[in-house]
Structures are given as structure tokens and as C-alpha cells.
N, C-alpha and C. Protein backbone atom coordinates (compact mmCIF):
# COMPACT_ATOMS: atom_id res chain seq x y z
N MET A 1 53.81 233.95 -52.29
CA MET A 1 52.92 235.25 -52.27
C MET A 1 52.02 235.16 -53.63
N ARG A 2 50.78 235.31 -53.47
CA ARG A 2 49.69 235.33 -54.62
C ARG A 2 49.33 236.81 -54.87
N LEU A 3 49.50 237.18 -55.97
CA LEU A 3 49.01 238.51 -56.38
C LEU A 3 47.73 238.41 -57.20
N LEU A 4 46.91 239.40 -56.84
CA LEU A 4 45.51 239.45 -57.66
C LEU A 4 45.65 240.86 -58.29
N ASN A 5 44.98 240.72 -59.71
CA ASN A 5 44.69 242.10 -60.26
C ASN A 5 43.24 242.52 -59.81
N ARG A 6 43.05 243.89 -60.30
CA ARG A 6 41.64 244.40 -59.64
C ARG A 6 40.56 243.38 -60.05
N GLN A 7 40.42 242.90 -61.32
CA GLN A 7 39.20 241.94 -61.51
C GLN A 7 39.32 240.71 -60.46
N GLN A 8 40.36 240.14 -60.35
CA GLN A 8 40.51 239.11 -59.60
C GLN A 8 40.06 239.44 -58.14
N LEU A 9 40.56 240.62 -57.55
CA LEU A 9 40.30 240.96 -56.25
C LEU A 9 38.63 241.23 -56.11
N ALA A 10 38.15 241.74 -57.21
CA ALA A 10 36.65 241.97 -57.13
C ALA A 10 35.89 240.90 -57.08
N ASP A 11 36.28 239.76 -57.92
CA ASP A 11 35.69 238.48 -57.94
C ASP A 11 35.79 237.94 -56.57
N TYR A 12 36.96 237.84 -56.00
CA TYR A 12 37.39 237.39 -54.76
C TYR A 12 36.32 238.02 -53.51
N LEU A 13 36.09 239.26 -53.62
CA LEU A 13 35.39 239.94 -52.69
C LEU A 13 33.75 240.09 -52.89
N SER A 14 33.48 239.62 -54.20
CA SER A 14 32.15 239.60 -54.67
C SER A 14 31.85 241.14 -54.75
N ILE A 15 32.57 241.83 -55.25
CA ILE A 15 32.21 243.31 -55.58
C ILE A 15 32.64 243.69 -56.97
N SER A 16 32.35 244.79 -57.52
CA SER A 16 32.62 245.47 -58.74
C SER A 16 34.18 245.77 -58.72
N PRO A 17 34.89 245.87 -59.92
CA PRO A 17 36.09 246.36 -59.98
C PRO A 17 36.13 247.89 -59.62
N GLN A 18 35.19 248.51 -59.98
CA GLN A 18 35.02 250.06 -59.49
C GLN A 18 34.87 250.17 -58.02
N SER A 19 34.41 249.19 -57.39
CA SER A 19 34.36 249.18 -55.97
C SER A 19 35.61 249.00 -55.51
N VAL A 20 36.52 248.11 -55.98
CA VAL A 20 38.03 247.79 -55.59
C VAL A 20 38.62 249.27 -55.67
N THR A 21 38.64 249.85 -56.69
CA THR A 21 39.31 251.19 -56.72
C THR A 21 38.77 252.17 -55.83
N ARG A 22 37.59 252.35 -55.60
CA ARG A 22 37.04 253.35 -54.72
C ARG A 22 37.43 253.01 -53.24
N MET A 23 37.32 251.68 -52.87
CA MET A 23 37.84 251.20 -51.65
C MET A 23 39.34 251.40 -51.37
N SER A 24 40.10 251.16 -52.43
CA SER A 24 41.41 251.29 -52.43
C SER A 24 41.89 252.73 -52.30
N GLU A 25 41.07 253.69 -52.82
CA GLU A 25 41.53 255.14 -52.96
C GLU A 25 41.08 255.70 -51.56
N ARG A 26 39.95 255.14 -50.92
CA ARG A 26 39.70 255.59 -49.50
C ARG A 26 40.57 255.00 -48.50
N GLY A 27 41.37 253.89 -48.71
CA GLY A 27 42.24 253.37 -47.78
C GLY A 27 41.42 252.27 -47.08
N ASP A 28 40.41 251.79 -47.72
CA ASP A 28 39.58 250.69 -47.05
C ASP A 28 40.11 249.31 -47.42
N LEU A 29 41.16 249.25 -48.23
CA LEU A 29 41.83 247.97 -48.43
C LEU A 29 43.25 248.18 -48.22
N PRO A 30 44.10 247.08 -48.05
CA PRO A 30 45.55 247.20 -47.93
C PRO A 30 46.08 247.79 -49.24
N LYS A 31 47.05 248.46 -49.13
CA LYS A 31 47.69 249.19 -50.28
C LYS A 31 48.28 248.04 -51.26
N PRO A 32 48.08 248.32 -52.63
CA PRO A 32 48.37 247.41 -53.62
C PRO A 32 49.86 247.49 -53.90
N VAL A 33 50.45 246.47 -54.46
CA VAL A 33 51.81 246.44 -55.01
C VAL A 33 51.91 247.05 -56.47
N ARG A 34 52.73 248.02 -56.62
CA ARG A 34 52.93 248.55 -57.97
C ARG A 34 54.12 247.70 -58.64
N LEU A 35 53.85 247.03 -59.85
CA LEU A 35 54.89 246.19 -60.38
C LEU A 35 55.21 246.81 -61.61
N GLY A 36 54.71 248.04 -62.05
CA GLY A 36 55.20 248.87 -63.14
C GLY A 36 54.19 250.06 -63.19
N GLN A 37 54.28 250.89 -64.18
CA GLN A 37 53.49 252.08 -64.27
C GLN A 37 52.07 251.85 -64.31
N ASN A 38 51.45 250.76 -65.02
CA ASN A 38 50.20 250.42 -65.13
C ASN A 38 49.82 249.06 -64.52
N ILE A 39 50.86 248.50 -63.81
CA ILE A 39 50.41 247.20 -63.21
C ILE A 39 50.37 247.25 -61.74
N VAL A 40 49.14 246.96 -61.18
CA VAL A 40 48.83 247.05 -59.70
C VAL A 40 48.26 245.77 -59.30
N ARG A 41 48.70 245.27 -58.17
CA ARG A 41 48.36 243.96 -57.78
C ARG A 41 48.11 244.13 -56.36
N TRP A 42 47.31 243.25 -55.77
CA TRP A 42 47.03 243.15 -54.23
C TRP A 42 47.51 241.75 -53.74
N ASP A 43 48.25 241.78 -52.61
CA ASP A 43 48.70 240.50 -52.10
C ASP A 43 47.51 239.87 -51.40
N LEU A 44 47.25 238.62 -51.77
CA LEU A 44 46.10 237.87 -51.19
C LEU A 44 46.24 237.62 -49.71
N THR A 45 47.53 237.46 -49.15
CA THR A 45 47.66 237.11 -47.75
C THR A 45 47.39 238.51 -47.12
N LYS A 46 47.70 239.77 -47.48
CA LYS A 46 47.38 240.77 -46.84
C LYS A 46 45.70 240.91 -46.90
N ILE A 47 45.22 240.83 -48.01
CA ILE A 47 43.62 240.86 -48.15
C ILE A 47 43.09 240.05 -47.04
N ASP A 48 43.49 238.69 -47.01
CA ASP A 48 42.85 237.72 -45.98
C ASP A 48 43.13 238.14 -44.63
N LYS A 49 44.31 238.70 -44.26
CA LYS A 49 44.50 239.21 -42.78
C LYS A 49 43.65 240.45 -42.65
N PHE A 50 43.25 241.24 -43.64
CA PHE A 50 42.55 242.38 -43.53
C PHE A 50 41.15 242.02 -43.24
N LEU A 51 40.70 240.94 -43.95
CA LEU A 51 39.27 240.65 -43.76
C LEU A 51 39.04 239.85 -42.43
N ASP A 52 39.99 239.31 -41.91
CA ASP A 52 40.13 238.46 -40.60
C ASP A 52 39.97 239.63 -39.64
N SER A 53 40.78 240.60 -39.74
CA SER A 53 40.87 241.85 -38.69
C SER A 53 39.51 242.50 -38.84
N PHE A 54 38.88 242.66 -40.16
CA PHE A 54 37.66 243.28 -40.25
C PHE A 54 36.53 242.73 -39.46
N ALA A 55 36.44 241.29 -39.78
CA ALA A 55 35.59 240.53 -39.11
C ALA A 55 35.53 240.54 -37.71
N LYS A 56 36.73 240.39 -37.06
CA LYS A 56 36.95 240.39 -35.66
C LYS A 56 36.64 241.70 -35.03
N SER A 57 36.71 242.63 -35.73
CA SER A 57 36.42 244.17 -35.21
C SER A 57 34.84 244.31 -35.23
N GLY A 58 34.02 243.34 -35.72
CA GLY A 58 32.61 243.52 -35.73
C GLY A 58 32.15 244.23 -37.23
N GLY A 59 33.14 244.42 -38.05
CA GLY A 59 32.54 244.90 -39.30
C GLY A 59 32.18 246.40 -39.10
N TYR A 60 31.07 246.65 -39.89
CA TYR A 60 30.45 248.15 -39.93
C TYR A 60 29.72 248.35 -38.70
N ASP A 61 29.96 249.49 -38.16
CA ASP A 61 29.18 250.03 -37.04
C ASP A 61 27.73 250.32 -37.44
N ASP A 62 27.55 250.87 -38.79
CA ASP A 62 26.39 251.41 -39.09
C ASP A 62 25.89 250.59 -40.20
N PRO A 63 24.61 249.82 -40.27
CA PRO A 63 24.29 248.90 -41.19
C PRO A 63 24.05 249.69 -42.68
N ASP A 64 23.72 250.91 -42.61
CA ASP A 64 23.59 251.70 -43.91
C ASP A 64 25.19 251.79 -44.52
N GLU A 65 26.20 251.70 -43.74
CA GLU A 65 27.35 251.90 -44.32
C GLU A 65 27.55 250.54 -45.19
N MET A 66 27.17 249.33 -44.67
CA MET A 66 27.46 248.06 -45.21
C MET A 66 26.64 248.05 -46.66
N MET A 67 25.32 248.62 -46.53
CA MET A 67 24.55 248.85 -47.71
C MET A 67 25.06 249.60 -48.76
N MET A 68 25.64 250.79 -48.26
CA MET A 68 26.43 251.54 -49.34
C MET A 68 27.38 250.91 -50.09
N GLU A 69 28.23 249.94 -49.34
CA GLU A 69 29.27 249.29 -50.18
C GLU A 69 28.71 248.23 -50.83
N LYS A 70 27.64 247.47 -50.45
CA LYS A 70 26.89 246.40 -51.36
C LYS A 70 26.43 247.22 -52.62
N ASN A 71 25.95 248.42 -52.44
CA ASN A 71 25.33 248.98 -53.78
C ASN A 71 26.47 249.58 -54.56
N ASP A 72 27.61 249.59 -54.18
CA ASP A 72 28.76 249.90 -54.98
C ASP A 72 29.01 249.02 -56.04
N GLY A 73 28.86 247.70 -55.58
CA GLY A 73 29.13 246.55 -56.48
C GLY A 73 28.00 246.12 -57.18
């Protein structure tokens, strides 16, 4: 299992760290793993499965929704 911190996940997804936080708070990403009071990591395997599922579902229904995400980063 490979765990990514917020910056690593942001780099992996090509978005900003702030977008990772917002997406996580909205439930748009798999739940992170808490390793301590201030240590949060995301499981890369779960992220990849989430992305595969997202792509297979057709992604965003509304193109404006996609642009809002891109503008977050």
C-alpha cells in the first residue's frame, strides 16, 4: 500500500493542494487514512480505483462542473 500526503495527491491529480482539501471535504475523493492527529494520507490504490470508476461513469455530466474543478487548481 502506498500512501500519499496532500501535496503528493495534488501533484498526482494535477490540482492544487487546496482542491484536494475541498474535494475531500465534499466527499469527492476516497476517505483519507488518519495516521495521527495531524497526519492524513490517501491510499493510492483507492485513488486509482476511484479514478477508474469515475472515468467509466462518464465523468462529469455538466461541462461547467468540470471547469469549476479545473479553476479550483
